[in-house]
């Protein structure tokens, strides 16, 4: 059930066209990518989670 809820979150993000905050008008935001990574982690997709955590870290290295 928990995995199903995570998949629903990812589906909503995809259908919303990434309007979850991952991409702003200027480009991708670290906070949006971090939230996206959390969604992937909850959905049981650790590879995509790590990828997006790393992208967020590269955009905001001072937040480490």
Protein backbone atom coordinates (compact mmCIF):
# COMPACT_ATOMS: atom_id res chain seq x y z
CA UNK A 1 0.00 0.00 0.00
CA UNK A 2 2.82 2.39 0.87
CA UNK A 3 4.54 1.79 -2.46
CA UNK A 4 1.25 2.40 -4.25
CA UNK A 5 0.88 5.79 -2.56
CA UNK A 6 4.39 6.76 -3.66
CA UNK A 7 3.64 5.76 -7.22
CA UNK A 8 0.51 7.91 -7.14
CA UNK A 9 2.61 10.89 -6.01
CA UNK A 10 5.01 10.32 -8.91
CA UNK A 11 2.14 9.97 -11.35
CA UNK A 12 0.65 13.25 -10.17
CA UNK A 13 4.03 14.95 -10.56
CA UNK A 14 4.42 13.65 -14.09
CA UNK A 15 0.88 14.57 -15.10
CA UNK A 16 1.32 18.03 -13.59
CA UNK A 17 4.24 18.59 -15.91
CA UNK A 18 6.78 18.96 -13.13
CA UNK A 19 4.87 21.79 -11.46
CA UNK A 20 5.89 20.42 -8.07
CA UNK A 21 8.55 23.08 -7.78
CA UNK A 22 11.32 21.07 -9.39
CA UNK A 23 11.49 23.53 -12.26
CA UNK A 24 10.89 27.23 -11.97
CA UNK A 25 10.75 29.80 -14.75
CA UNK A 26 14.52 30.30 -14.45
CA UNK A 27 15.31 26.58 -14.36
CA UNK A 28 15.47 23.81 -11.79
CA UNK A 29 15.49 24.63 -8.08
CA UNK A 30 17.41 22.70 -5.45
CA UNK A 31 14.35 22.53 -3.19
CA UNK A 32 12.16 21.19 -5.99
CA UNK A 33 14.69 18.53 -6.94
CA UNK A 34 15.08 17.54 -3.28
CA UNK A 35 11.31 17.12 -2.96
CA UNK A 36 11.23 15.11 -6.17
CA UNK A 37 14.00 12.88 -4.82
CA UNK A 38 11.97 12.31 -1.65
CA UNK A 39 9.01 11.25 -3.80
CA UNK A 40 11.17 8.76 -5.69
CA UNK A 41 12.57 7.39 -2.43
CA UNK A 42 9.06 6.88 -1.03
CA UNK A 43 8.04 5.17 -4.26
CA UNK A 44 10.84 2.64 -3.88
CA UNK A 45 13.02 4.00 -6.69
CA UNK A 46 16.35 4.64 -4.96
CA UNK A 47 18.32 5.20 -8.17
CA UNK A 48 16.14 8.11 -9.26
CA UNK A 49 16.12 9.42 -5.69
CA UNK A 50 19.92 9.52 -5.51
CA UNK A 51 20.13 11.13 -8.95
CA UNK A 52 17.83 13.97 -7.92
CA UNK A 53 19.48 14.40 -4.50
CA UNK A 54 22.79 14.85 -6.34
CA UNK A 55 21.24 17.34 -8.77
CA UNK A 56 19.87 19.32 -5.82
CA UNK A 57 23.27 19.25 -4.12
CA UNK A 58 24.97 20.59 -7.23
CA UNK A 59 22.52 23.49 -7.44
CA UNK A 60 22.89 24.42 -3.76
CA UNK A 61 26.30 23.24 -2.55
CA UNK A 62 26.25 25.65 0.43
CA UNK A 63 23.27 23.79 1.89
CA UNK A 64 25.40 20.71 2.69
